[in-house]
């Protein structure tokens, strides 16, 4: 086994992340059952489902917080991996931005971005190097609304805080960024900024997984959609294969007999010839 929990088994699908038969139980409660899912590089994969569907448990398995039950397999960057902690996931290039953002209000932006990973020069912190790295990372994500990288995080808007949390994640050579409800409780302008940030990550070649209950946001930014229901993956495909009603059907009943209106129209036109 290589460093970071890598194992020799190869993944033939070519996706950056692939889950095969992932299950997870907590005592008598079965949270996930034989979940298959993939997340390619350069694309946004939206993970959707009702409350209690297992989204958080699945993300925690990917992030190294929970270990899947025996029999499940996680492949990352072409190899099977076994992660025992978030540190293992981070060493592979998997970073997670949780809904609470895990930022310290009393620290400034630079201190938050390097918290626990501070750069040193001898016995002292290398403040200049950290400031420059923070500026470069924020600029690369087209974050332009922050007045000073030395302002306390407590003074930032919700969208700016989300931007700092994402910048903190991608600074460490991330290959896959997972974002839990990134637009929750944000206004229209801030939501637009965060969705633009999500798109920027994918355009830079990173894999992105977002968890969201907001279908408008999902259809604005997602390339692919995966639907969980009661711990089982009931659908996974390109975003253009779904509409809002189909997703609601899948979330509530696990099946949908509806075709997208465009598909139905195309079929009707084809039958008219």
C-alpha atoms as a PDB file:
ATOM      1  CA  UNK A   1       0.000   0.000   0.000  1.00  0.00           C
ATOM      2  CA  UNK A   2       1.328   3.437  -0.965  1.00  0.00           C
ATOM      3  CA  UNK A   3       1.404   6.556   1.154  1.00  0.00           C
ATOM      4  CA  UNK A   4      -2.025   8.143   1.741  1.00  0.00           C
ATOM      5  CA  UNK A   5      -3.815   4.801   1.768  1.00  0.00           C
ATOM      6  CA  UNK A   6      -3.347   4.005  -1.916  1.00  0.00           C
ATOM      7  CA  UNK A   7      -3.701   0.383  -2.978  1.00  0.00           C
ATOM      8  CA  UNK A   8      -2.613  -1.244  -6.189  1.00  0.00           C
ATOM      9  CA  UNK A   9      -6.048  -2.094  -7.650  1.00  0.00           C
ATOM     10  CA  UNK A  10      -6.825   0.037 -10.716  1.00  0.00           C
ATOM     11  CA  UNK A  11     -10.033   1.807 -11.654  1.00  0.00           C
ATOM     12  CA  UNK A  12     -10.982   1.222 -15.271  1.00  0.00           C
ATOM     13  CA  UNK A  13     -13.714   3.902 -15.535  1.00  0.00           C
ATOM     14  CA  UNK A  14     -11.333   6.858 -15.866  1.00  0.00           C
ATOM     15  CA  UNK A  15     -13.283   8.992 -13.357  1.00  0.00           C
ATOM     16  CA  UNK A  16     -11.316  10.939 -10.757  1.00  0.00           C
ATOM     17  CA  UNK A  17     -13.481   9.423  -7.998  1.00  0.00           C
ATOM     18  CA  UNK A  18     -15.461   6.224  -8.224  1.00  0.00           C
ATOM     19  CA  UNK A  19     -17.437   4.445  -5.512  1.00  0.00           C
ATOM     20  CA  UNK A  20     -18.400   0.810  -5.970  1.00  0.00           C
ATOM     21  CA  UNK A  21     -20.785  -0.976  -3.648  1.00  0.00           C
ATOM     22  CA  UNK A  22     -20.215   1.413  -0.749  1.00  0.00           C
ATOM     23  CA  UNK A  23     -22.359   0.625   2.295  1.00  0.00           C
ATOM     24  CA  UNK A  24     -22.309   2.020   5.826  1.00  0.00           C
ATOM     25  CA  UNK A  25     -24.237   1.057   8.915  1.00  0.00           C
ATOM     26  CA  UNK A  26     -24.253   2.427  12.440  1.00  0.00           C
ATOM     27  CA  UNK A  27     -25.440  -0.358  14.732  1.00  0.00           C
ATOM     28  CA  UNK A  28     -28.854  -1.446  13.403  1.00  0.00           C
ATOM     29  CA  UNK A  29     -29.209   1.632  11.170  1.00  0.00           C
ATOM     30  CA  UNK A  30     -28.239   1.116   7.527  1.00  0.00           C
ATOM     31  CA  UNK A  31     -27.259   4.561   6.235  1.00  0.00           C
ATOM     32  CA  UNK A  32     -25.873   3.548   2.831  1.00  0.00           C
ATOM     33  CA  UNK A  33     -26.524   0.434   0.748  1.00  0.00           C
ATOM     34  CA  UNK A  34     -24.356  -0.588  -2.238  1.00  0.00           C
ATOM     35  CA  UNK A  35     -23.824   2.946  -3.497  1.00  0.00           C
ATOM     36  CA  UNK A  36     -22.125   3.374  -6.877  1.00  0.00           C
ATOM     37  CA  UNK A  37     -21.096   6.881  -7.920  1.00  0.00           C
ATOM     38  CA  UNK A  38     -18.465   8.639 -10.006  1.00  0.00           C
ATOM     39  CA  UNK A  39     -17.102  12.184 -10.157  1.00  0.00           C
ATOM     40  CA  UNK A  40     -14.939  13.115 -13.159  1.00  0.00           C
ATOM     41  CA  UNK A  41     -12.300  15.826 -13.256  1.00  0.00           C
ATOM     42  CA  UNK A  42     -13.370  19.127 -14.763  1.00  0.00           C
ATOM     43  CA  UNK A  43     -17.039  18.589 -13.953  1.00  0.00           C
ATOM     44  CA  UNK A  44     -19.487  19.551 -11.220  1.00  0.00           C
ATOM     45  CA  UNK A  45     -21.396  16.576  -9.835  1.00  0.00           C
ATOM     46  CA  UNK A  46     -24.459  17.510  -7.771  1.00  0.00           C
ATOM     47  CA  UNK A  47     -25.438  15.056  -5.035  1.00  0.00           C
ATOM     48  CA  UNK A  48     -29.102  15.528  -4.205  1.00  0.00           C
ATOM     49  CA  UNK A  49     -31.613  13.805  -1.966  1.00  0.00           C
ATOM     50  CA  UNK A  50     -34.145  14.456   0.765  1.00  0.00           C
ATOM     51  CA  UNK A  51     -33.159  14.852   4.408  1.00  0.00           C
ATOM     52  CA  UNK A  52     -31.974  11.490   5.721  1.00  0.00           C
ATOM     53  CA  UNK A  53     -31.084  10.174   2.270  1.00  0.00           C
ATOM     54  CA  UNK A  54     -27.477   9.535   3.301  1.00  0.00           C
ATOM     55  CA  UNK A  55     -25.720  12.443   1.590  1.00  0.00           C
ATOM     56  CA  UNK A  56     -23.697  13.501   4.629  1.00  0.00           C
ATOM     57  CA  UNK A  57     -22.696   9.928   5.429  1.00  0.00           C
ATOM     58  CA  UNK A  58     -21.547   9.379   1.844  1.00  0.00           C
ATOM     59  CA  UNK A  59     -19.482  12.567   1.858  1.00  0.00           C
ATOM     60  CA  UNK A  60     -17.895  11.591   5.167  1.00  0.00           C
ATOM     61  CA  UNK A  61     -16.885   8.242   3.666  1.00  0.00           C
ATOM     62  CA  UNK A  62     -15.212  10.092   0.792  1.00  0.00           C
ATOM     63  CA  UNK A  63     -13.592  12.590   3.186  1.00  0.00           C
ATOM     64  CA  UNK A  64     -12.064   9.907   5.402  1.00  0.00           C
ATOM     65  CA  UNK A  65     -14.250  10.534   8.456  1.00  0.00           C
ATOM     66  CA  UNK A  66     -16.111   7.221   8.134  1.00  0.00           C
ATOM     67  CA  UNK A  67     -14.739   3.975   6.736  1.00  0.00           C
ATOM     68  CA  UNK A  68     -17.161   2.119   4.439  1.00  0.00           C
ATOM     69  CA  UNK A  69     -18.329  -1.336   5.501  1.00  0.00           C
ATOM     70  CA  UNK A  70     -16.395  -4.312   4.192  1.00  0.00           C
ATOM     71  CA  UNK A  71     -17.061  -5.011   0.533  1.00  0.00           C
ATOM     72  CA  UNK A  72     -17.192  -1.389  -0.609  1.00  0.00           C
ATOM     73  CA  UNK A  73     -14.475   0.151  -2.744  1.00  0.00           C
ATOM     74  CA  UNK A  74     -13.351   3.744  -3.288  1.00  0.00           C
ATOM     75  CA  UNK A  75     -11.139   4.548  -6.272  1.00  0.00           C
ATOM     76  CA  UNK A  76      -9.364   7.876  -6.590  1.00  0.00           C
ATOM     77  CA  UNK A  77      -7.170   9.044  -9.444  1.00  0.00           C
ATOM     78  CA  UNK A  78      -7.045   5.546 -10.906  1.00  0.00           C
ATOM     79  CA  UNK A  79      -6.230   3.572  -7.755  1.00  0.00           C
ATOM     80  CA  UNK A  80      -8.201   1.992  -4.965  1.00  0.00           C
ATOM     81  CA  UNK A  81      -7.751   3.927  -1.744  1.00  0.00           C
ATOM     82  CA  UNK A  82      -8.393   3.226   1.913  1.00  0.00           C
ATOM     83  CA  UNK A  83      -8.742   6.358   4.018  1.00  0.00           C
ATOM     84  CA  UNK A  84      -8.677   6.174   7.782  1.00  0.00           C
ATOM     85  CA  UNK A  85      -8.809   9.907   8.491  1.00  0.00           C
ATOM     86  CA  UNK A  86      -9.395  13.296   6.851  1.00  0.00           C
ATOM     87  CA  UNK A  87      -5.607  13.662   6.765  1.00  0.00           C
ATOM     88  CA  UNK A  88      -5.431  10.624   4.464  1.00  0.00           C
ATOM     89  CA  UNK A  89      -8.056  12.188   2.196  1.00  0.00           C
ATOM     90  CA  UNK A  90      -6.231  15.528   2.135  1.00  0.00           C
ATOM     91  CA  UNK A  91      -2.946  13.817   1.245  1.00  0.00           C
ATOM     92  CA  UNK A  92      -4.674  12.347  -1.823  1.00  0.00           C
ATOM     93  CA  UNK A  93      -6.083  15.728  -2.848  1.00  0.00           C
ATOM     94  CA  UNK A  94      -9.627  15.464  -1.450  1.00  0.00           C
ATOM     95  CA  UNK A  95     -10.770  18.602   0.381  1.00  0.00           C
ATOM     96  CA  UNK A  96     -14.206  19.144   1.914  1.00  0.00           C
ATOM     97  CA  UNK A  97     -15.877  22.485   2.628  1.00  0.00           C
ATOM     98  CA  UNK A  98     -18.608  21.802   5.179  1.00  0.00           C
ATOM     99  CA  UNK A  99     -21.699  23.926   5.660  1.00  0.00           C
ATOM    100  CA  UNK A 100     -20.295  25.549   8.822  1.00  0.00           C
ATOM    101  CA  UNK A 101     -17.114  26.383   6.795  1.00  0.00           C
ATOM    102  CA  UNK A 102     -14.823  25.611   9.788  1.00  0.00           C
ATOM    103  CA  UNK A 103     -13.443  29.158   9.866  1.00  0.00           C
ATOM    104  CA  UNK A 104     -12.332  31.063  12.973  1.00  0.00           C
ATOM    105  CA  UNK A 105     -14.088  34.423  13.199  1.00  0.00           C
ATOM    106  CA  UNK A 106     -11.367  35.959  15.403  1.00  0.00           C
ATOM    107  CA  UNK A 107      -8.567  35.229  12.910  1.00  0.00           C
ATOM    108  CA  UNK A 108      -7.875  37.058   9.663  1.00  0.00           C
ATOM    109  CA  UNK A 109      -8.085  35.513   6.188  1.00  0.00           C
ATOM    110  CA  UNK A 110      -4.417  34.523   5.946  1.00  0.00           C
ATOM    111  CA  UNK A 111      -4.437  32.955   9.414  1.00  0.00           C
ATOM    112  CA  UNK A 112      -7.545  30.951   8.519  1.00  0.00           C
ATOM    113  CA  UNK A 113      -6.157  29.740   5.214  1.00  0.00           C
ATOM    114  CA  UNK A 114      -2.966  28.467   6.847  1.00  0.00           C
ATOM    115  CA  UNK A 115      -4.434  27.329  10.162  1.00  0.00           C
ATOM    116  CA  UNK A 116      -2.560  24.168  11.178  1.00  0.00           C
ATOM    117  CA  UNK A 117      -0.359  24.374   8.068  1.00  0.00           C
ATOM    118  CA  UNK A 118       1.596  27.532   8.789  1.00  0.00           C
ATOM    119  CA  UNK A 119       4.741  28.303   6.815  1.00  0.00           C
ATOM    120  CA  UNK A 120       7.843  28.930   8.871  1.00  0.00           C
ATOM    121  CA  UNK A 121      11.194  30.579   8.324  1.00  0.00           C
ATOM    122  CA  UNK A 122      13.430  29.259  11.031  1.00  0.00           C
ATOM    123  CA  UNK A 123      11.684  29.696  14.359  1.00  0.00           C
ATOM    124  CA  UNK A 124       9.263  32.326  13.072  1.00  0.00           C
ATOM    125  CA  UNK A 125       6.177  32.338  10.884  1.00  0.00           C
ATOM    126  CA  UNK A 126       6.842  33.359   7.296  1.00  0.00           C
ATOM    127  CA  UNK A 127       4.107  35.969   7.110  1.00  0.00           C
ATOM    128  CA  UNK A 128       5.164  37.330   3.708  1.00  0.00           C
ATOM    129  CA  UNK A 129       5.078  33.892   2.056  1.00  0.00           C
ATOM    130  CA  UNK A 130       1.658  33.134   3.535  1.00  0.00           C
ATOM    131  CA  UNK A 131       0.245  36.504   2.464  1.00  0.00           C
ATOM    132  CA  UNK A 132       1.529  36.093  -1.083  1.00  0.00           C
ATOM    133  CA  UNK A 133       0.178  32.539  -1.351  1.00  0.00           C
ATOM    134  CA  UNK A 134      -3.218  33.642  -0.013  1.00  0.00           C
ATOM    135  CA  UNK A 135      -3.388  36.551  -2.483  1.00  0.00           C
ATOM    136  CA  UNK A 136      -2.412  34.339  -5.421  1.00  0.00           C
ATOM    137  CA  UNK A 137      -4.980  31.677  -4.542  1.00  0.00           C
ATOM    138  CA  UNK A 138      -7.834  34.149  -4.148  1.00  0.00           C
ATOM    139  CA  UNK A 139      -6.842  35.898  -7.390  1.00  0.00           C
ATOM    140  CA  UNK A 140      -6.728  32.576  -9.261  1.00  0.00           C
ATOM    141  CA  UNK A 141     -10.339  31.988  -8.194  1.00  0.00           C
ATOM    142  CA  UNK A 142     -11.322  35.481  -9.365  1.00  0.00           C
ATOM    143  CA  UNK A 143     -12.256  36.542  -5.835  1.00  0.00           C
ATOM    144  CA  UNK A 144     -12.134  40.330  -6.044  1.00  0.00           C
ATOM    145  CA  UNK A 145     -14.594  41.551  -3.409  1.00  0.00           C
ATOM    146  CA  UNK A 146     -12.349  41.121  -0.372  1.00  0.00           C
ATOM    147  CA  UNK A 147     -10.917  44.432   0.807  1.00  0.00           C
ATOM    148  CA  UNK A 148      -7.883  43.074   2.681  1.00  0.00           C
ATOM    149  CA  UNK A 149      -6.578  39.589   3.334  1.00  0.00           C
ATOM    150  CA  UNK A 150      -5.735  40.762   6.842  1.00  0.00           C
ATOM    151  CA  UNK A 151      -9.317  41.591   7.777  1.00  0.00           C
ATOM    152  CA  UNK A 152     -10.982  39.310  10.342  1.00  0.00           C
ATOM    153  CA  UNK A 153     -13.242  36.620   8.905  1.00  0.00           C
ATOM    154  CA  UNK A 154     -15.995  37.899  11.219  1.00  0.00           C
ATOM    155  CA  UNK A 155     -16.215  41.024   9.030  1.00  0.00           C
ATOM    156  CA  UNK A 156     -16.871  39.084   5.797  1.00  0.00           C
ATOM    157  CA  UNK A 157     -20.194  38.469   4.091  1.00  0.00           C
ATOM    158  CA  UNK A 158     -21.523  34.930   3.693  1.00  0.00           C
ATOM    159  CA  UNK A 159     -20.326  34.703   0.100  1.00  0.00           C
ATOM    160  CA  UNK A 160     -16.874  36.007   0.987  1.00  0.00           C
ATOM    161  CA  UNK A 161     -16.584  33.494   3.826  1.00  0.00           C
ATOM    162  CA  UNK A 162     -17.485  30.701   1.410  1.00  0.00           C
ATOM    163  CA  UNK A 163     -14.805  31.984  -0.978  1.00  0.00           C
ATOM    164  CA  UNK A 164     -12.174  31.917   1.769  1.00  0.00           C
ATOM    165  CA  UNK A 165     -13.162  28.371   2.748  1.00  0.00           C
ATOM    166  CA  UNK A 166     -12.859  27.222  -0.877  1.00  0.00           C
ATOM    167  CA  UNK A 167      -9.533  29.016  -1.339  1.00  0.00           C
ATOM    168  CA  UNK A 168      -8.270  27.324   1.823  1.00  0.00           C
ATOM    169  CA  UNK A 169      -9.246  23.966   0.344  1.00  0.00           C
ATOM    170  CA  UNK A 170      -7.714  24.406  -3.113  1.00  0.00           C
ATOM    171  CA  UNK A 171      -4.493  25.962  -1.841  1.00  0.00           C
ATOM    172  CA  UNK A 172      -3.180  22.510  -0.915  1.00  0.00           C
ATOM    173  CA  UNK A 173      -3.122  20.947  -4.395  1.00  0.00           C
ATOM    174  CA  UNK A 174      -6.691  19.671  -4.204  1.00  0.00           C
ATOM    175  CA  UNK A 175      -7.928  17.450  -7.032  1.00  0.00           C
ATOM    176  CA  UNK A 176     -11.473  17.019  -5.708  1.00  0.00           C
ATOM    177  CA  UNK A 177     -13.417  19.640  -3.751  1.00  0.00           C
ATOM    178  CA  UNK A 178     -16.625  18.652  -1.959  1.00  0.00           C
ATOM    179  CA  UNK A 179     -18.967  21.481  -0.967  1.00  0.00           C
ATOM    180  CA  UNK A 180     -21.858  20.949   1.431  1.00  0.00           C
ATOM    181  CA  UNK A 181     -24.767  23.354   0.774  1.00  0.00           C
ATOM    182  CA  UNK A 182     -22.456  26.124  -0.502  1.00  0.00           C
ATOM    183  CA  UNK A 183     -25.278  28.626  -1.122  1.00  0.00           C
ATOM    184  CA  UNK A 184     -27.351  28.001   2.006  1.00  0.00           C
ATOM    185  CA  UNK A 185     -28.604  31.252   3.588  1.00  0.00           C
ATOM    186  CA  UNK A 186     -26.937  33.426   0.934  1.00  0.00           C
ATOM    187  CA  UNK A 187     -28.557  36.301  -0.925  1.00  0.00           C
ATOM    188  CA  UNK A 188     -28.939  36.483  -4.700  1.00  0.00           C
ATOM    189  CA  UNK A 189     -25.663  38.320  -5.389  1.00  0.00           C
ATOM    190  CA  UNK A 190     -23.650  36.137  -3.007  1.00  0.00           C
ATOM    191  CA  UNK A 191     -25.191  32.969  -4.454  1.00  0.00           C
ATOM    192  CA  UNK A 192     -24.184  34.074  -7.949  1.00  0.00           C
ATOM    193  CA  UNK A 193     -20.620  34.654  -6.729  1.00  0.00           C
ATOM    194  CA  UNK A 194     -20.360  31.238  -5.082  1.00  0.00           C
ATOM    195  CA  UNK A 195     -21.810  29.407  -8.091  1.00  0.00           C
ATOM    196  CA  UNK A 196     -19.281  31.217 -10.252  1.00  0.00           C
ATOM    197  CA  UNK A 197     -16.581  29.998  -7.887  1.00  0.00           C
ATOM    198  CA  UNK A 198     -17.836  26.411  -8.225  1.00  0.00           C
ATOM    199  CA  UNK A 199     -17.729  26.717 -12.013  1.00  0.00           C
ATOM    200  CA  UNK A 200     -14.199  28.173 -11.855  1.00  0.00           C
ATOM    201  CA  UNK A 201     -12.969  25.143  -9.913  1.00  0.00           C
ATOM    202  CA  UNK A 202     -14.333  22.759 -12.557  1.00  0.00           C
ATOM    203  CA  UNK A 203     -12.973  24.900 -15.390  1.00  0.00           C
ATOM    204  CA  UNK A 204      -9.529  24.624 -13.786  1.00  0.00           C
ATOM    205  CA  UNK A 205      -9.794  20.840 -14.119  1.00  0.00           C
ATOM    206  CA  UNK A 206     -10.753  19.958 -10.549  1.00  0.00           C
ATOM    207  CA  UNK A 207     -13.515  17.525  -9.744  1.00  0.00           C
ATOM    208  CA  UNK A 208     -16.301  19.168  -7.752  1.00  0.00           C
ATOM    209  CA  UNK A 209     -19.108  17.558  -5.758  1.00  0.00           C
ATOM    210  CA  UNK A 210     -21.811  19.837  -4.385  1.00  0.00           C
ATOM    211  CA  UNK A 211     -24.591  18.864  -2.028  1.00  0.00           C
ATOM    212  CA  UNK A 212     -27.617  21.106  -2.458  1.00  0.00           C
ATOM    213  CA  UNK A 213     -31.356  21.216  -1.863  1.00  0.00           C
ATOM    214  CA  UNK A 214     -31.699  24.185  -4.209  1.00  0.00           C
ATOM    215  CA  UNK A 215     -32.660  22.813  -7.619  1.00  0.00           C
ATOM    216  CA  UNK A 216     -32.172  26.197  -9.288  1.00  0.00           C
ATOM    217  CA  UNK A 217     -28.532  26.193  -8.176  1.00  0.00           C
ATOM    218  CA  UNK A 218     -28.095  22.556  -9.180  1.00  0.00           C
ATOM    219  CA  UNK A 219     -29.280  23.125 -12.742  1.00  0.00           C
ATOM    220  CA  UNK A 220     -27.265  26.342 -13.081  1.00  0.00           C
ATOM    221  CA  UNK A 221     -23.910  24.755 -12.235  1.00  0.00           C
ATOM    222  CA  UNK A 222     -24.029  20.936 -12.395  1.00  0.00           C
ATOM    223  CA  UNK A 223     -22.727  18.856 -15.287  1.00  0.00           C
ATOM    224  CA  UNK A 224     -23.901  15.630 -13.666  1.00  0.00           C
ATOM    225  CA  UNK A 225     -26.511  14.771 -11.035  1.00  0.00           C
ATOM    226  CA  UNK A 226     -26.615  11.847  -8.617  1.00  0.00           C
ATOM    227  CA  UNK A 227     -29.810  11.181  -6.634  1.00  0.00           C
ATOM    228  CA  UNK A 228     -29.796   9.393  -3.278  1.00  0.00           C
ATOM    229  CA  UNK A 229     -32.931   8.004  -1.644  1.00  0.00           C
ATOM    230  CA  UNK A 230     -32.942   6.174   1.699  1.00  0.00           C
ATOM    231  CA  UNK A 231     -29.254   5.355   1.400  1.00  0.00           C
ATOM    232  CA  UNK A 232     -29.426   4.014  -2.160  1.00  0.00           C
ATOM    233  CA  UNK A 233     -28.283   5.642  -5.392  1.00  0.00           C
ATOM    234  CA  UNK A 234     -31.420   5.673  -7.541  1.00  0.00           C
ATOM    235  CA  UNK A 235     -30.113   7.693 -10.497  1.00  0.00           C
ATOM    236  CA  UNK A 236     -26.870   9.161 -11.827  1.00  0.00           C
ATOM    237  CA  UNK A 237     -26.468  10.797 -15.241  1.00  0.00           C
ATOM    238  CA  UNK A 238     -25.758  13.998 -17.138  1.00  0.00           C
ATOM    239  CA  UNK A 239     -27.700  16.981 -15.850  1.00  0.00           C
ATOM    240  CA  UNK A 240     -29.475  17.407 -19.177  1.00  0.00           C
ATOM    241  CA  UNK A 241     -31.145  14.026 -18.646  1.00  0.00           C
ATOM    242  CA  UNK A 242     -33.132  15.442 -15.702  1.00  0.00           C
ATOM    243  CA  UNK A 243     -35.552  18.221 -14.928  1.00  0.00           C
ATOM    244  CA  UNK A 244     -36.854  19.379 -11.556  1.00  0.00           C
ATOM    245  CA  UNK A 245     -39.922  17.151 -11.599  1.00  0.00           C
ATOM    246  CA  UNK A 246     -37.920  14.042 -12.460  1.00  0.00           C
ATOM    247  CA  UNK A 247     -35.581  14.726  -9.551  1.00  0.00           C
ATOM    248  CA  UNK A 248     -38.518  15.254  -7.177  1.00  0.00           C
ATOM    249  CA  UNK A 249     -39.983  11.926  -8.354  1.00  0.00           C
ATOM    250  CA  UNK A 250     -36.666  10.152  -7.770  1.00  0.00           C
ATOM    251  CA  UNK A 251     -36.140  11.730  -4.350  1.00  0.00           C
ATOM    252  CA  UNK A 252     -39.623  10.829  -3.138  1.00  0.00           C
ATOM    253  CA  UNK A 253     -40.361   7.464  -4.798  1.00  0.00           C
ATOM    254  CA  UNK A 254     -37.044   6.268  -6.222  1.00  0.00           C
ATOM    255  CA  UNK A 255     -38.399   6.080  -9.786  1.00  0.00           C
ATOM    256  CA  UNK A 256     -39.684   8.442 -12.451  1.00  0.00           C
ATOM    257  CA  UNK A 257     -41.772   7.574 -15.504  1.00  0.00           C
ATOM    258  CA  UNK A 258     -41.477  11.097 -16.884  1.00  0.00           C
ATOM    259  CA  UNK A 259     -39.270  12.011 -19.796  1.00  0.00           C
ATOM    260  CA  UNK A 260     -37.784  15.467 -20.060  1.00  0.00           C
ATOM    261  CA  UNK A 261     -40.121  17.708 -22.014  1.00  0.00           C
ATOM    262  CA  UNK A 262     -37.481  18.225 -24.720  1.00  0.00           C
ATOM    263  CA  UNK A 263     -36.994  14.453 -25.056  1.00  0.00           C
ATOM    264  CA  UNK A 264     -40.734  13.847 -25.225  1.00  0.00           C
ATOM    265  CA  UNK A 265     -41.113  16.572 -27.829  1.00  0.00           C
ATOM    266  CA  UNK A 266     -38.252  15.137 -29.874  1.00  0.00           C
ATOM    267  CA  UNK A 267     -39.868  11.697 -29.760  1.00  0.00           C
ATOM    268  CA  UNK A 268     -43.233  13.088 -30.810  1.00  0.00           C
ATOM    269  CA  UNK A 269     -41.686  14.923 -33.736  1.00  0.00           C
ATOM    270  CA  UNK A 270     -39.810  11.796 -34.773  1.00  0.00           C
ATOM    271  CA  UNK A 271     -43.035   9.781 -34.771  1.00  0.00           C
ATOM    272  CA  UNK A 272     -44.825  12.356 -36.926  1.00  0.00           C
ATOM    273  CA  UNK A 273     -42.617  11.695 -39.945  1.00  0.00           C
END
